[in-house]
């Protein structure tokens, strides 16, 4: 899984993240966590749009590269955050998981309550955990 460097800045209840390696890709929110979550979604949408056009994804530069190039202004309060680029391959794969019976029953009940399959519910929960959503 690729990670891109996001540049976080803001104050109070206005925060933003820009992703220099993905032109036009950015996120925002009322807190740093919300801005990062929004940027994570934006990265996925940016990448999927690019892949739909059969274009390759740009490589990701390091924080050191961005600092050296002056793309992060730490004096102005900007900081670097690593954002995972979890892009769906659109190719399901069967997996065998072992879970506690009570946990599996709780998963099935919650998935049913939400109108989801067990697989969709577990995949969604895993994505949220990997991407750092609360």
N, C-alpha and C. Protein backbone atom coordinates (compact mmCIF):
# COMPACT_ATOMS: atom_id res chain seq x y z
N UNK A 1 0.85 -1.17 0.00
CA UNK A 1 0.00 0.00 0.00
C UNK A 1 0.90 1.24 0.00
N UNK A 2 0.55 2.16 -0.86
CA UNK A 2 1.29 3.41 -0.97
C UNK A 2 0.78 4.41 0.06
N UNK A 3 1.67 5.23 0.56
CA UNK A 3 1.31 6.37 1.41
C UNK A 3 1.79 7.64 0.71
N UNK A 4 0.97 8.67 0.77
CA UNK A 4 1.37 9.97 0.25
C UNK A 4 1.54 10.93 1.42
N UNK A 5 2.43 11.89 1.25
CA UNK A 5 2.63 12.92 2.27
C UNK A 5 1.57 13.99 2.07
N UNK A 6 0.84 14.25 3.12
CA UNK A 6 -0.10 15.36 3.13
C UNK A 6 0.50 16.48 3.95
N UNK A 7 0.21 17.71 3.58
CA UNK A 7 0.71 18.86 4.32
C UNK A 7 -0.48 19.49 5.03
N UNK A 8 -0.43 19.43 6.35
CA UNK A 8 -1.52 19.88 7.21
C UNK A 8 -1.25 21.28 7.70
N UNK A 9 -2.27 22.13 7.61
CA UNK A 9 -2.17 23.45 8.22
C UNK A 9 -3.55 23.91 8.65
N UNK A 10 -3.58 24.86 9.54
CA UNK A 10 -4.86 25.38 10.01
C UNK A 10 -4.78 25.81 11.45
N UNK A 11 -5.92 26.20 11.96
CA UNK A 11 -6.05 26.61 13.35
C UNK A 11 -7.52 26.59 13.73
N UNK A 12 -7.77 26.54 15.01
CA UNK A 12 -9.13 26.55 15.56
C UNK A 12 -9.98 25.49 14.87
N UNK A 13 -11.00 25.90 14.12
CA UNK A 13 -11.88 24.93 13.49
C UNK A 13 -11.82 24.95 11.96
N UNK A 14 -10.68 25.40 11.43
CA UNK A 14 -10.47 25.40 9.97
C UNK A 14 -9.11 24.76 9.68
N UNK A 15 -9.16 23.55 9.14
CA UNK A 15 -7.94 22.79 8.85
C UNK A 15 -7.97 22.30 7.41
N UNK A 16 -6.80 22.20 6.82
CA UNK A 16 -6.69 21.71 5.46
C UNK A 16 -5.49 20.81 5.29
N UNK A 17 -5.58 19.93 4.33
CA UNK A 17 -4.47 19.04 3.96
C UNK A 17 -4.37 19.09 2.44
N UNK A 18 -3.18 19.36 1.94
CA UNK A 18 -2.95 19.27 0.50
C UNK A 18 -1.94 18.14 0.26
N UNK A 19 -2.07 17.52 -0.89
CA UNK A 19 -1.21 16.39 -1.24
C UNK A 19 -0.42 16.80 -2.47
N UNK A 20 0.82 17.28 -2.28
CA UNK A 20 1.60 17.84 -3.39
C UNK A 20 1.86 16.89 -4.55
N UNK A 21 1.92 15.59 -4.28
CA UNK A 21 2.19 14.63 -5.35
C UNK A 21 0.97 14.35 -6.22
N UNK A 22 -0.22 14.80 -5.77
CA UNK A 22 -1.46 14.58 -6.51
C UNK A 22 -2.10 15.95 -6.76
N UNK A 23 -1.77 16.60 -7.85
CA UNK A 23 -2.24 17.97 -8.10
C UNK A 23 -3.76 18.10 -7.97
N UNK A 24 -4.17 19.09 -7.19
CA UNK A 24 -5.58 19.36 -6.96
C UNK A 24 -6.23 18.50 -5.89
N UNK A 25 -5.46 17.62 -5.28
CA UNK A 25 -6.00 16.73 -4.25
C UNK A 25 -5.80 17.37 -2.88
N UNK A 26 -6.90 17.58 -2.19
CA UNK A 26 -6.82 18.19 -0.87
C UNK A 26 -8.06 17.81 -0.05
N UNK A 27 -7.98 18.06 1.23
CA UNK A 27 -9.11 17.79 2.12
C UNK A 27 -9.21 18.89 3.15
N UNK A 28 -10.34 18.96 3.82
CA UNK A 28 -10.52 19.98 4.84
C UNK A 28 -11.49 19.51 5.91
N UNK A 29 -11.47 20.22 7.02
CA UNK A 29 -12.38 19.88 8.11
C UNK A 29 -12.23 20.80 9.29
N UNK A 30 -13.05 20.58 10.30
CA UNK A 30 -13.06 21.41 11.49
C UNK A 30 -11.98 21.03 12.50
N UNK A 31 -11.27 19.95 12.24
CA UNK A 31 -10.18 19.50 13.10
C UNK A 31 -9.12 18.86 12.21
N UNK A 32 -7.91 18.70 12.73
CA UNK A 32 -6.90 18.00 11.93
C UNK A 32 -7.35 16.60 11.52
N UNK A 33 -8.01 15.88 12.44
CA UNK A 33 -8.47 14.52 12.13
C UNK A 33 -9.48 14.51 10.99
N UNK A 34 -10.42 15.48 11.01
CA UNK A 34 -11.41 15.56 9.94
C UNK A 34 -10.76 15.91 8.60
N UNK A 35 -9.80 16.81 8.63
CA UNK A 35 -9.12 17.19 7.39
C UNK A 35 -8.34 16.02 6.82
N UNK A 36 -7.68 15.24 7.67
CA UNK A 36 -6.92 14.07 7.22
C UNK A 36 -7.86 13.02 6.66
N UNK A 37 -8.99 12.78 7.34
CA UNK A 37 -9.97 11.81 6.84
C UNK A 37 -10.52 12.24 5.48
N UNK A 38 -10.78 13.53 5.33
CA UNK A 38 -11.28 14.04 4.06
C UNK A 38 -10.21 13.90 2.96
N UNK A 39 -8.96 14.17 3.30
CA UNK A 39 -7.87 14.01 2.33
C UNK A 39 -7.69 12.54 1.95
N UNK A 40 -7.91 11.64 2.89
CA UNK A 40 -7.81 10.20 2.61
C UNK A 40 -8.85 9.80 1.57
N UNK A 41 -10.07 10.29 1.74
CA UNK A 41 -11.13 10.02 0.76
C UNK A 41 -10.81 10.67 -0.58
N UNK A 42 -10.26 11.88 -0.53
CA UNK A 42 -9.91 12.59 -1.76
C UNK A 42 -8.83 11.85 -2.54
N UNK A 43 -7.86 11.28 -1.84
CA UNK A 43 -6.80 10.52 -2.50
C UNK A 43 -7.42 9.33 -3.24
N UNK A 44 -8.33 8.61 -2.59
CA UNK A 44 -8.96 7.46 -3.22
C UNK A 44 -9.72 7.90 -4.47
N UNK A 45 -10.51 8.97 -4.36
CA UNK A 45 -11.28 9.45 -5.51
C UNK A 45 -10.35 9.94 -6.63
N UNK A 46 -9.28 10.65 -6.27
CA UNK A 46 -8.32 11.15 -7.25
C UNK A 46 -7.70 9.98 -8.01
N UNK A 47 -7.27 8.97 -7.25
CA UNK A 47 -6.61 7.81 -7.86
C UNK A 47 -7.58 7.02 -8.75
N UNK A 48 -8.82 6.84 -8.28
CA UNK A 48 -9.79 6.08 -9.07
C UNK A 48 -10.11 6.80 -10.38
N UNK A 49 -10.22 8.14 -10.33
CA UNK A 49 -10.48 8.90 -11.56
C UNK A 49 -9.32 8.75 -12.54
N UNK A 50 -8.12 8.78 -12.01
CA UNK A 50 -6.93 8.64 -12.86
C UNK A 50 -6.85 7.24 -13.46
N UNK A 51 -7.12 6.25 -12.64
CA UNK A 51 -7.06 4.87 -13.11
C UNK A 51 -8.15 4.59 -14.14
N UNK A 52 -9.31 5.24 -14.02
CA UNK A 52 -10.38 5.07 -15.00
C UNK A 52 -9.95 5.56 -16.38
N UNK A 53 -9.01 6.49 -16.41
CA UNK A 53 -8.46 6.99 -17.67
C UNK A 53 -7.22 6.21 -18.11
N UNK A 54 -6.93 5.13 -17.37
CA UNK A 54 -5.77 4.27 -17.64
C UNK A 54 -4.45 5.03 -17.53
N UNK A 55 -4.41 5.98 -16.60
CA UNK A 55 -3.18 6.73 -16.34
C UNK A 55 -2.52 6.20 -15.08
N UNK A 56 -1.20 6.16 -15.04
CA UNK A 56 -0.52 5.66 -13.83
C UNK A 56 -0.61 6.67 -12.69
N UNK A 57 -0.51 6.15 -11.48
CA UNK A 57 -0.48 7.04 -10.32
C UNK A 57 0.93 7.58 -10.14
N UNK A 58 1.05 8.84 -9.76
CA UNK A 58 2.39 9.39 -9.52
C UNK A 58 3.03 8.72 -8.31
N UNK A 59 4.34 8.69 -8.31
CA UNK A 59 5.06 8.17 -7.15
C UNK A 59 4.90 9.12 -5.97
N UNK A 60 5.19 8.63 -4.81
CA UNK A 60 5.09 9.48 -3.63
C UNK A 60 6.50 9.88 -3.18
N UNK A 61 6.66 11.17 -2.93
CA UNK A 61 7.94 11.66 -2.43
C UNK A 61 8.00 11.53 -0.91
N UNK A 62 9.18 11.61 -0.38
CA UNK A 62 9.36 11.52 1.07
C UNK A 62 9.18 12.89 1.71
N UNK A 63 8.99 12.87 3.01
CA UNK A 63 8.91 14.13 3.77
C UNK A 63 10.22 14.90 3.59
N UNK A 64 11.34 14.19 3.62
CA UNK A 64 12.65 14.86 3.44
C UNK A 64 12.72 15.55 2.08
N UNK A 65 12.23 14.89 1.03
CA UNK A 65 12.22 15.52 -0.30
C UNK A 65 11.41 16.81 -0.29
N UNK A 66 10.21 16.75 0.30
CA UNK A 66 9.33 17.92 0.32
C UNK A 66 9.91 19.04 1.17
N UNK A 67 10.56 18.70 2.26
CA UNK A 67 11.22 19.72 3.09
C UNK A 67 12.35 20.38 2.31
N UNK A 68 13.15 19.56 1.66
CA UNK A 68 14.29 20.08 0.89
C UNK A 68 13.83 21.01 -0.23
N UNK A 69 12.69 20.69 -0.83
CA UNK A 69 12.16 21.50 -1.93
C UNK A 69 11.34 22.70 -1.45
N UNK A 70 11.21 22.85 -0.14
CA UNK A 70 10.48 23.99 0.42
C UNK A 70 8.98 23.89 0.29
N UNK A 71 8.45 22.68 0.10
CA UNK A 71 7.01 22.52 -0.05
C UNK A 71 6.29 22.42 1.29
N UNK A 72 7.05 22.28 2.37
CA UNK A 72 6.47 22.28 3.71
C UNK A 72 7.06 23.47 4.46
N UNK A 73 6.20 24.37 4.89
CA UNK A 73 6.65 25.58 5.60
C UNK A 73 6.39 25.39 7.10
N UNK A 74 7.34 24.74 7.77
CA UNK A 74 7.16 24.48 9.20
C UNK A 74 7.14 25.77 10.02
N UNK A 75 7.79 26.81 9.54
CA UNK A 75 7.76 28.10 10.24
C UNK A 75 6.35 28.69 10.25
N UNK A 76 5.55 28.35 9.24
CA UNK A 76 4.17 28.84 9.16
C UNK A 76 3.20 27.88 9.84
N UNK A 77 3.72 26.84 10.50
CA UNK A 77 2.87 25.91 11.21
C UNK A 77 2.43 24.69 10.42
N UNK A 78 2.96 24.53 9.21
CA UNK A 78 2.60 23.35 8.43
C UNK A 78 3.33 22.12 8.97
N UNK A 79 2.67 20.99 8.87
CA UNK A 79 3.31 19.74 9.27
C UNK A 79 2.95 18.64 8.27
N UNK A 80 3.78 17.63 8.22
CA UNK A 80 3.57 16.52 7.30
C UNK A 80 2.78 15.41 8.00
N UNK A 81 1.86 14.82 7.25
CA UNK A 81 1.12 13.66 7.74
C UNK A 81 1.16 12.59 6.64
N UNK A 82 1.29 11.36 7.03
CA UNK A 82 1.30 10.27 6.07
C UNK A 82 -0.13 9.77 5.89
N UNK A 83 -0.56 9.70 4.63
CA UNK A 83 -1.93 9.31 4.34
C UNK A 83 -1.92 8.06 3.46
N UNK A 84 -2.60 6.99 3.91
CA UNK A 84 -2.61 5.77 3.11
C UNK A 84 -3.47 5.93 1.87
N UNK A 85 -3.01 5.35 0.78
CA UNK A 85 -3.77 5.34 -0.47
C UNK A 85 -4.27 3.91 -0.68
N UNK A 86 -5.42 3.63 -0.10
CA UNK A 86 -6.01 2.30 -0.19
C UNK A 86 -6.99 2.29 -1.36
N UNK A 87 -6.51 1.82 -2.50
CA UNK A 87 -7.28 1.85 -3.74
C UNK A 87 -7.83 0.46 -4.03
N UNK A 88 -9.14 0.38 -4.23
CA UNK A 88 -9.76 -0.91 -4.53
C UNK A 88 -9.27 -1.46 -5.86
N UNK A 89 -9.02 -2.76 -5.90
CA UNK A 89 -8.60 -3.41 -7.14
C UNK A 89 -9.81 -3.88 -7.95
N UNK A 90 -10.98 -3.86 -7.31
CA UNK A 90 -12.23 -4.33 -7.93
C UNK A 90 -12.16 -5.83 -8.26
N UNK A 91 -11.36 -6.54 -7.48
CA UNK A 91 -11.21 -7.99 -7.66
C UNK A 91 -11.37 -8.66 -6.30
N UNK A 92 -12.57 -9.16 -6.00
CA UNK A 92 -12.77 -9.80 -4.70
C UNK A 92 -11.96 -11.09 -4.59
N UNK A 93 -11.49 -11.36 -3.39
CA UNK A 93 -10.73 -12.57 -3.10
C UNK A 93 -11.35 -13.22 -1.87
N UNK A 94 -11.56 -14.51 -1.94
CA UNK A 94 -12.13 -15.24 -0.81
C UNK A 94 -11.04 -15.43 0.25
N UNK A 95 -11.40 -15.18 1.53
CA UNK A 95 -10.45 -15.34 2.63
C UNK A 95 -11.12 -16.10 3.77
N UNK A 96 -10.35 -16.90 4.46
CA UNK A 96 -10.85 -17.65 5.60
C UNK A 96 -10.36 -16.95 6.87
N UNK A 97 -11.29 -16.48 7.70
CA UNK A 97 -10.95 -15.78 8.94
C UNK A 97 -11.44 -16.57 10.13
N UNK A 98 -10.70 -16.53 11.21
CA UNK A 98 -11.14 -17.14 12.46
C UNK A 98 -11.45 -16.03 13.45
N UNK A 99 -12.69 -16.02 13.93
CA UNK A 99 -13.14 -15.00 14.88
C UNK A 99 -13.85 -15.68 16.04
N UNK A 100 -13.87 -15.02 17.17
CA UNK A 100 -14.64 -15.51 18.31
C UNK A 100 -16.11 -15.58 17.90
N UNK A 101 -16.81 -16.61 18.34
CA UNK A 101 -18.21 -16.82 17.95
C UNK A 101 -19.09 -15.64 18.34
N UNK A 102 -18.88 -15.08 19.51
CA UNK A 102 -19.71 -13.95 19.95
C UNK A 102 -19.43 -12.71 19.10
N UNK A 103 -18.16 -12.50 18.73
CA UNK A 103 -17.82 -11.37 17.86
C UNK A 103 -18.46 -11.55 16.49
N UNK A 104 -18.41 -12.76 15.96
CA UNK A 104 -19.01 -13.02 14.66
C UNK A 104 -20.53 -12.78 14.70
N UNK A 105 -21.16 -13.21 15.79
CA UNK A 105 -22.61 -12.98 15.93
C UNK A 105 -22.92 -11.49 15.98
N UNK A 106 -22.07 -10.73 16.69
CA UNK A 106 -22.26 -9.28 16.76
C UNK A 106 -22.05 -8.63 15.39
N UNK A 107 -21.06 -9.09 14.65
CA UNK A 107 -20.80 -8.59 13.29
C UNK A 107 -22.01 -8.86 12.41
N UNK A 108 -22.52 -10.09 12.46
CA UNK A 108 -23.67 -10.45 11.63
C UNK A 108 -24.90 -9.62 11.99
N UNK A 109 -25.13 -9.41 13.27
CA UNK A 109 -26.29 -8.63 13.71
C UNK A 109 -26.17 -7.18 13.23
N UNK A 110 -24.99 -6.59 13.39
CA UNK A 110 -24.81 -5.19 12.98
C UNK A 110 -24.84 -5.05 11.46
N UNK A 111 -24.26 -5.99 10.75
CA UNK A 111 -24.30 -5.96 9.29
C UNK A 111 -25.75 -6.05 8.83
N UNK A 112 -26.52 -6.94 9.42
CA UNK A 112 -27.93 -7.09 9.06
C UNK A 112 -28.71 -5.82 9.36
N UNK A 113 -28.46 -5.21 10.52
CA UNK A 113 -29.14 -3.97 10.90
C UNK A 113 -28.88 -2.87 9.88
N UNK A 114 -27.67 -2.86 9.31
CA UNK A 114 -27.29 -1.84 8.33
C UNK A 114 -27.60 -2.23 6.89
N UNK A 115 -28.14 -3.43 6.71
CA UNK A 115 -28.46 -3.88 5.35
C UNK A 115 -27.23 -4.26 4.55
N UNK A 116 -26.18 -4.75 5.23
CA UNK A 116 -24.92 -5.11 4.58
C UNK A 116 -24.67 -6.60 4.70
N UNK A 117 -23.82 -7.11 3.82
CA UNK A 117 -23.35 -8.49 3.99
C UNK A 117 -22.23 -8.48 5.03
N UNK A 118 -21.95 -9.66 5.54
CA UNK A 118 -20.84 -9.80 6.49
C UNK A 118 -19.53 -9.31 5.86
N UNK A 119 -19.28 -9.71 4.61
CA UNK A 119 -18.04 -9.32 3.94
C UNK A 119 -17.94 -7.81 3.78
N UNK A 120 -19.03 -7.18 3.35
CA UNK A 120 -19.02 -5.74 3.18
C UNK A 120 -18.78 -5.03 4.51
N UNK A 121 -19.42 -5.51 5.56
CA UNK A 121 -19.26 -4.90 6.88
C UNK A 121 -17.80 -5.02 7.35
N UNK A 122 -17.22 -6.20 7.24
CA UNK A 122 -15.84 -6.40 7.69
C UNK A 122 -14.87 -5.58 6.84
N UNK A 123 -15.07 -5.54 5.52
CA UNK A 123 -14.20 -4.75 4.65
C UNK A 123 -14.29 -3.27 5.00
N UNK A 124 -15.50 -2.79 5.27
CA UNK A 124 -15.70 -1.39 5.65
C UNK A 124 -14.99 -1.08 6.97
N UNK A 125 -15.13 -1.95 7.94
CA UNK A 125 -14.48 -1.75 9.24
C UNK A 125 -12.95 -1.76 9.10
N UNK A 126 -12.45 -2.65 8.27
CA UNK A 126 -10.99 -2.72 8.05
C UNK A 126 -10.50 -1.45 7.38
N UNK A 127 -11.23 -0.97 6.36
CA UNK A 127 -10.84 0.26 5.66
C UNK A 127 -10.80 1.43 6.64
N UNK A 128 -11.83 1.55 7.47
CA UNK A 128 -11.87 2.64 8.46
C UNK A 128 -10.68 2.56 9.41
N UNK A 129 -10.32 1.39 9.83
CA UNK A 129 -9.20 1.20 10.75
C UNK A 129 -7.87 1.56 10.06
N UNK A 130 -7.69 1.09 8.84
CA UNK A 130 -6.44 1.37 8.09
C UNK A 130 -6.31 2.85 7.79
N UNK A 131 -7.42 3.47 7.39
CA UNK A 131 -7.37 4.88 7.02
C UNK A 131 -7.41 5.81 8.23
N UNK A 132 -7.58 5.27 9.41
CA UNK A 132 -7.51 6.10 10.61
C UNK A 132 -8.79 6.82 10.97
N UNK A 133 -9.93 6.41 10.41
CA UNK A 133 -11.20 7.02 10.77
C UNK A 133 -11.57 6.57 12.16
N UNK A 134 -12.27 7.38 12.86
CA UNK A 134 -12.68 7.05 14.24
C UNK A 134 -13.89 6.19 14.25
